[in-house]
Protein backbone atom coordinates (compact mmCIF):
# COMPACT_ATOMS: atom_id res chain seq x y z
CA UNK A 1 54.61 68.15 52.98
CA UNK A 2 57.18 70.96 52.99
CA UNK A 3 54.97 73.14 50.75
CA UNK A 4 51.99 72.42 53.01
CA UNK A 5 54.02 73.47 56.05
CA UNK A 6 55.00 76.75 54.40
CA UNK A 7 51.38 77.44 53.43
CA UNK A 8 50.17 76.70 56.96
CA UNK A 9 52.77 79.06 58.39
CA UNK A 10 51.75 81.73 55.87
CA UNK A 11 48.07 81.47 56.83
CA UNK A 12 48.91 81.47 60.53
CA UNK A 13 51.12 84.55 60.23
CA UNK A 14 50.08 87.76 61.99
CA UNK A 15 49.92 89.81 58.74
CA UNK A 16 47.54 87.27 57.17
CA UNK A 17 45.25 87.28 60.20
CA UNK A 18 45.43 91.06 60.46
CA UNK A 19 44.45 91.18 56.80
CA UNK A 20 41.11 89.56 57.61
CA UNK A 21 40.56 92.18 60.30
CA UNK A 22 41.35 94.95 57.80
CA UNK A 23 38.82 93.52 55.33
CA UNK A 24 36.17 93.53 58.06
CA UNK A 25 36.85 97.20 58.83
CA UNK A 26 36.74 98.08 55.13
CA UNK A 27 33.36 96.38 54.79
CA UNK A 28 32.08 98.30 57.82
CA UNK A 29 33.31 101.55 56.27
CA UNK A 30 31.63 100.66 52.97
CA UNK A 31 28.33 99.99 54.72
CA UNK A 32 28.59 103.25 56.68
CA UNK A 33 29.27 105.26 53.52
CA UNK A 34 26.45 103.46 51.69
CA UNK A 35 24.12 104.72 54.41
CA UNK A 36 25.47 108.25 54.02
CA UNK A 37 24.87 107.93 50.26
CA UNK A 38 21.17 107.36 50.95
CA UNK A 39 21.00 110.45 53.18
CA UNK A 40 22.93 112.97 51.06
CA UNK A 41 23.30 111.51 47.55
CA UNK A 42 25.12 113.45 44.86
CA UNK A 43 22.99 111.72 42.22
CA UNK A 44 19.69 109.87 42.67
CA UNK A 45 19.93 106.09 42.46
CA UNK A 46 18.37 104.44 39.39
CA UNK A 47 18.31 101.02 37.71
CA UNK A 48 22.01 101.28 36.93
CA UNK A 49 22.75 101.39 40.66
CA UNK A 50 21.04 98.03 41.19
CA UNK A 51 22.60 96.46 38.09
CA UNK A 52 26.16 97.30 38.98
CA UNK A 53 25.93 96.15 42.57
CA UNK A 54 26.49 92.40 42.04
CA UNK A 55 29.43 92.74 39.56
CA UNK A 56 31.03 95.40 41.76
CA UNK A 57 30.77 93.27 44.89
CA UNK A 58 32.00 90.18 43.04
CA UNK A 59 35.14 92.02 41.87
CA UNK A 60 35.52 93.61 45.31
CA UNK A 61 35.67 90.24 47.07
CA UNK A 62 37.99 88.87 44.37
CA UNK A 63 40.26 91.86 45.01
CA UNK A 64 40.08 91.22 48.76
CA UNK A 65 41.32 87.66 48.17
CA UNK A 66 44.22 88.65 45.93
CA UNK A 67 45.19 91.64 48.09
CA UNK A 68 45.19 89.48 51.21
CA UNK A 69 47.86 87.29 49.65
CA UNK A 70 49.86 90.20 48.23
CA UNK A 71 49.66 92.27 51.43
CA UNK A 72 50.77 89.35 53.60
CA UNK A 73 53.66 88.47 51.29
CA UNK A 74 54.88 92.05 51.10
CA UNK A 75 54.59 92.70 54.85
CA UNK A 76 56.48 89.48 55.65
CA UNK A 77 59.16 90.55 53.15
CA UNK A 78 59.44 93.97 54.79
CA UNK A 79 59.73 92.34 58.22
CA UNK A 80 62.56 90.14 56.93
CA UNK A 81 64.38 93.08 55.31
CA UNK A 82 64.11 95.13 58.51
CA UNK A 83 66.53 92.68 60.11
CA UNK A 84 69.18 93.68 57.57
CA UNK A 85 68.51 97.42 57.73
CA UNK A 86 67.83 97.25 54.00
CA UNK A 87 66.58 100.30 52.11
CA UNK A 88 67.19 103.98 51.46
CA UNK A 89 65.49 105.17 54.66
CA UNK A 90 67.94 103.28 56.82
CA UNK A 91 70.85 105.36 55.52
CA UNK A 92 69.50 108.41 57.38
CA UNK A 93 68.94 109.12 61.06
CA UNK A 94 65.17 109.60 60.96
CA UNK A 95 62.58 109.63 63.69
CA UNK A 96 59.84 107.00 63.37
CA UNK A 97 57.22 109.60 62.44
CA UNK A 98 59.49 110.95 59.70
CA UNK A 99 59.93 107.46 58.25
CA UNK A 100 56.15 106.98 58.24
CA UNK A 101 55.55 110.37 56.58
CA UNK A 102 58.17 109.75 53.88
CA UNK A 103 56.85 106.24 53.25
CA UNK A 104 53.26 107.45 52.84
CA UNK A 105 54.28 110.26 50.47
CA UNK A 106 56.60 108.02 48.45
CA UNK A 107 54.02 105.26 48.08
CA UNK A 108 51.37 107.81 47.13
CA UNK A 109 53.70 109.23 44.48
CA UNK A 110 54.36 105.73 43.13
CA UNK A 111 50.58 105.19 42.99
CA UNK A 112 50.20 108.43 41.01
CA UNK A 113 52.92 107.49 38.51
CA UNK A 114 51.56 103.98 38.07
CA UNK A 115 48.04 105.35 37.68
CA UNK A 116 49.22 107.64 34.88
CA UNK A 117 50.98 104.67 33.26
CA UNK A 118 47.78 102.61 33.41
CA UNK A 119 46.05 105.33 31.37
CA UNK A 120 48.85 105.90 28.87
CA UNK A 121 50.01 102.32 28.27
CA UNK A 122 47.50 100.31 26.18
CA UNK A 123 48.44 96.99 27.81
CA UNK A 124 47.87 98.36 31.31
CA UNK A 125 44.75 100.27 30.28
CA UNK A 126 43.13 96.98 29.23
CA UNK A 127 42.94 96.06 32.93
CA UNK A 128 42.30 99.51 34.36
CA UNK A 129 39.31 100.17 32.08
CA UNK A 130 37.34 97.62 34.13
CA UNK A 131 37.33 100.16 36.96
CA UNK A 132 36.54 103.09 34.69
CA UNK A 133 33.62 101.68 32.73
CA UNK A 134 31.23 101.77 35.71
CA UNK A 135 28.29 103.92 34.62
CA UNK A 136 27.15 104.77 38.17
CA UNK A 137 29.78 105.80 40.69
CA UNK A 138 29.33 104.94 44.35
CA UNK A 139 31.26 103.34 47.21
CA UNK A 140 31.05 99.88 45.55
CA UNK A 141 33.06 101.21 42.59
CA UNK A 142 36.14 101.72 44.77
CA UNK A 143 37.45 98.15 44.72
CA UNK A 144 35.86 97.16 41.40
CA UNK A 145 39.23 96.09 40.04
CA UNK A 146 40.45 93.41 37.66
CA UNK A 147 42.85 90.85 39.20
CA UNK A 148 45.38 91.80 36.54
CA UNK A 149 45.37 95.36 37.82
CA UNK A 150 45.86 94.08 41.37
CA UNK A 151 49.06 92.34 40.25
CA UNK A 152 50.34 95.49 38.53
CA UNK A 153 49.52 97.68 41.53
CA UNK A 154 51.32 95.42 43.97
CA UNK A 155 54.40 95.15 41.80
CA UNK A 156 54.60 98.94 41.95
CA UNK A 157 53.94 99.01 45.70
CA UNK A 158 56.50 96.27 46.37
CA UNK A 159 59.22 97.94 44.30
CA UNK A 160 58.77 101.26 46.13
CA UNK A 161 58.34 99.84 49.65
CA UNK A 162 61.33 97.50 49.35
CA UNK A 163 63.61 100.17 47.85
CA UNK A 164 62.68 102.52 50.69
CA UNK A 165 63.10 99.87 53.35
CA UNK A 166 59.65 100.83 54.60
CA UNK A 167 58.65 99.47 57.97
CA UNK A 168 55.66 97.11 58.00
CA UNK A 169 53.82 99.60 60.24
CA UNK A 170 54.43 102.51 57.84
CA UNK A 171 53.30 100.39 54.90
CA UNK A 172 50.08 99.46 56.68
CA UNK A 173 49.43 103.12 57.56
CA UNK A 174 49.59 103.88 53.84
CA UNK A 175 47.37 100.93 52.88
CA UNK A 176 44.68 101.81 55.42
CA UNK A 177 44.73 105.52 54.57
CA UNK A 178 44.69 104.98 50.81
CA UNK A 179 41.82 102.48 51.03
CA UNK A 180 39.66 104.72 53.22
CA UNK A 181 40.47 107.67 50.98
CA UNK A 182 39.40 105.63 47.95
CA UNK A 183 36.07 104.74 49.56
CA UNK A 184 35.31 108.40 50.28
CA UNK A 185 36.41 109.55 46.80
CA UNK A 186 34.05 107.17 45.03
CA UNK A 187 31.08 107.51 47.39
CA UNK A 188 27.96 109.03 45.87
CA UNK A 189 27.73 111.76 48.49
CA UNK A 190 26.95 115.44 48.08
CA UNK A 191 29.40 117.94 49.54
CA UNK A 192 29.16 121.70 49.23
CA UNK A 193 31.40 123.00 46.47
CA UNK A 194 33.35 125.35 48.76
CA UNK A 195 34.07 122.52 51.22
CA UNK A 196 35.09 120.10 48.49
CA UNK A 197 37.29 122.73 46.82
CA UNK A 198 38.96 123.46 50.17
CA UNK A 199 39.65 119.75 50.72
CA UNK A 200 41.08 119.51 47.20
CA UNK A 201 43.80 122.01 48.12
CA UNK A 202 45.48 119.21 50.06
CA UNK A 203 43.78 115.87 49.43
CA UNK A 204 42.04 114.16 46.53
CA UNK A 205 38.49 115.21 47.38
CA UNK A 206 35.36 113.31 46.28
CA UNK A 207 34.41 115.77 43.52
CA UNK A 208 38.01 116.00 42.38
CA UNK A 209 38.19 112.25 41.85
CA UNK A 210 34.80 112.07 40.15
CA UNK A 211 36.24 114.28 37.41
CA UNK A 212 38.67 111.42 36.75
CA UNK A 213 35.73 109.07 36.05
CA UNK A 214 34.32 111.28 33.31
CA UNK A 215 33.40 109.80 29.96
CA UNK A 216 35.28 112.73 28.40
CA UNK A 217 38.92 111.58 27.86
CA UNK A 218 40.19 115.10 28.45
CA UNK A 219 38.90 114.85 32.02
CA UNK A 220 39.58 111.14 32.51
CA UNK A 221 43.28 111.81 32.01
CA UNK A 222 43.43 114.22 34.95
CA UNK A 223 43.18 113.99 38.75
CA UNK A 224 45.11 110.74 39.16
CA UNK A 225 46.02 111.26 42.83
CA UNK A 226 44.87 108.93 45.58
CA UNK A 227 45.69 110.57 48.93
CA UNK A 228 47.00 114.02 48.11
CA UNK A 229 46.26 116.43 45.27
CA UNK A 230 49.89 117.59 45.40
CA UNK A 231 51.09 115.33 42.58
CA UNK A 232 48.35 116.43 40.18
CA UNK A 233 49.16 120.05 40.87
CA UNK A 234 52.91 119.45 40.60
CA UNK A 235 52.69 117.53 37.31
CA UNK A 236 49.93 119.73 35.82
CA UNK A 237 47.25 117.04 35.67
CA UNK A 238 44.85 118.82 38.03
CA UNK A 239 41.29 119.72 37.10
CA UNK A 240 39.30 121.84 39.59
CA UNK A 241 37.03 119.82 41.86
CA UNK A 242 34.04 122.09 41.18
CA UNK A 243 33.53 120.36 37.81
CA UNK A 244 32.99 116.99 39.47
CA UNK A 245 29.35 117.43 40.48
CA UNK A 246 27.89 116.89 37.00
CA UNK A 247 29.90 114.08 35.41
CA UNK A 248 28.76 111.52 32.85
CA UNK A 249 30.50 108.38 34.13
CA UNK A 250 31.77 105.37 32.18
CA UNK A 251 33.45 104.61 28.87
CA UNK A 252 31.95 104.90 25.41
CA UNK A 253 30.89 101.55 23.96
CA UNK A 254 30.90 99.66 27.26
CA UNK A 255 27.41 100.34 28.55
CA UNK A 256 25.77 97.08 27.42
CA UNK A 257 24.51 94.85 30.23
CA UNK A 258 26.57 91.88 29.06
CA UNK A 259 29.70 94.06 29.16
CA UNK A 260 28.83 95.21 32.68
CA UNK A 261 28.30 91.66 33.97
CA UNK A 262 30.88 90.03 36.23
CA UNK A 263 32.05 87.71 33.46
CA UNK A 264 32.04 90.51 30.89
CA UNK A 265 34.30 92.62 33.11
CA UNK A 266 36.67 89.74 33.79
CA UNK A 267 37.22 89.01 30.08
CA UNK A 268 37.28 92.67 29.04
CA UNK A 269 41.12 93.00 28.96
CA UNK A 270 41.37 90.34 26.24
CA UNK A 271 38.86 91.84 23.87
CA UNK A 272 40.26 93.80 20.93
CA UNK A 273 37.36 95.78 19.50
CA UNK A 274 36.45 99.39 20.23
CA UNK A 275 34.36 98.40 23.23
CA UNK A 276 37.57 97.22 24.90
CA UNK A 277 38.78 100.81 24.94
CA UNK A 278 40.70 100.80 21.64
CA UNK A 279 39.88 101.15 17.96
CA UNK A 280 40.37 98.31 15.52
CA UNK A 281 43.46 100.10 14.22
CA UNK A 282 45.02 99.90 17.67
CA UNK A 283 44.89 103.64 18.37
CA UNK A 284 43.53 104.75 21.71
CA UNK A 285 40.31 106.80 21.52
CA UNK A 286 42.08 109.29 23.81
CA UNK A 287 44.53 110.09 21.06
CA UNK A 288 41.66 110.82 18.68
CA UNK A 289 39.87 113.26 20.98
């Protein structure tokens, strides 16, 4: 009875209900960008576009469900900690806008560092490769994410947000911005190279991020940033956005239809052959390139 009461209170909480509203807005944004993709596509749609739609949407809605729980839990935790003035930000006399700006930059930096770790650490890469093995990039690729990766991402977000003492409002600003940015980065839309290159001076532009989805490991291990390109430039992992208009997407050995099915993607992290992103000797193909 006590557990049921806690669950009922959790579901009735404002963050949980707001989470449903956020999902609705994300879906609207996805539909809008899908329409733009039909008007100014970077690459023509083919059979791969139709084949990846169902698995991508299945993983997207699974990610929505897990993120709804994680977001609500973290926001409620931040609300509780606010009452104690807990966190680094509360040791300084900062204006609200300064706290929001620092929170967004700090969370974006933590995303960058975790993203690099997911490429370099074999255990984390097992989950992250589910996102990378999509052979046709479009807006539905954005939230094509294994539940295991969702857990890892939120552990990183929680550690950073709690240590900062981020306000719930600042955290939600980051979440909304990063999600919308992700949708635009993955969308199959054509932008002029000068415009995209200009955007990449400050933010992670669409062509800049598409470089990151290259089948070539030398390119895959660059352009990790989500909101800003600053971290890639600062840590020397930046590849010019102009190279992102002609990219061969996906991962070698993971093109088979059974591997690209919803079930195939869900079990991918526990496979140990080369198609799972590693050789039988345990060495990453990246290291061999």
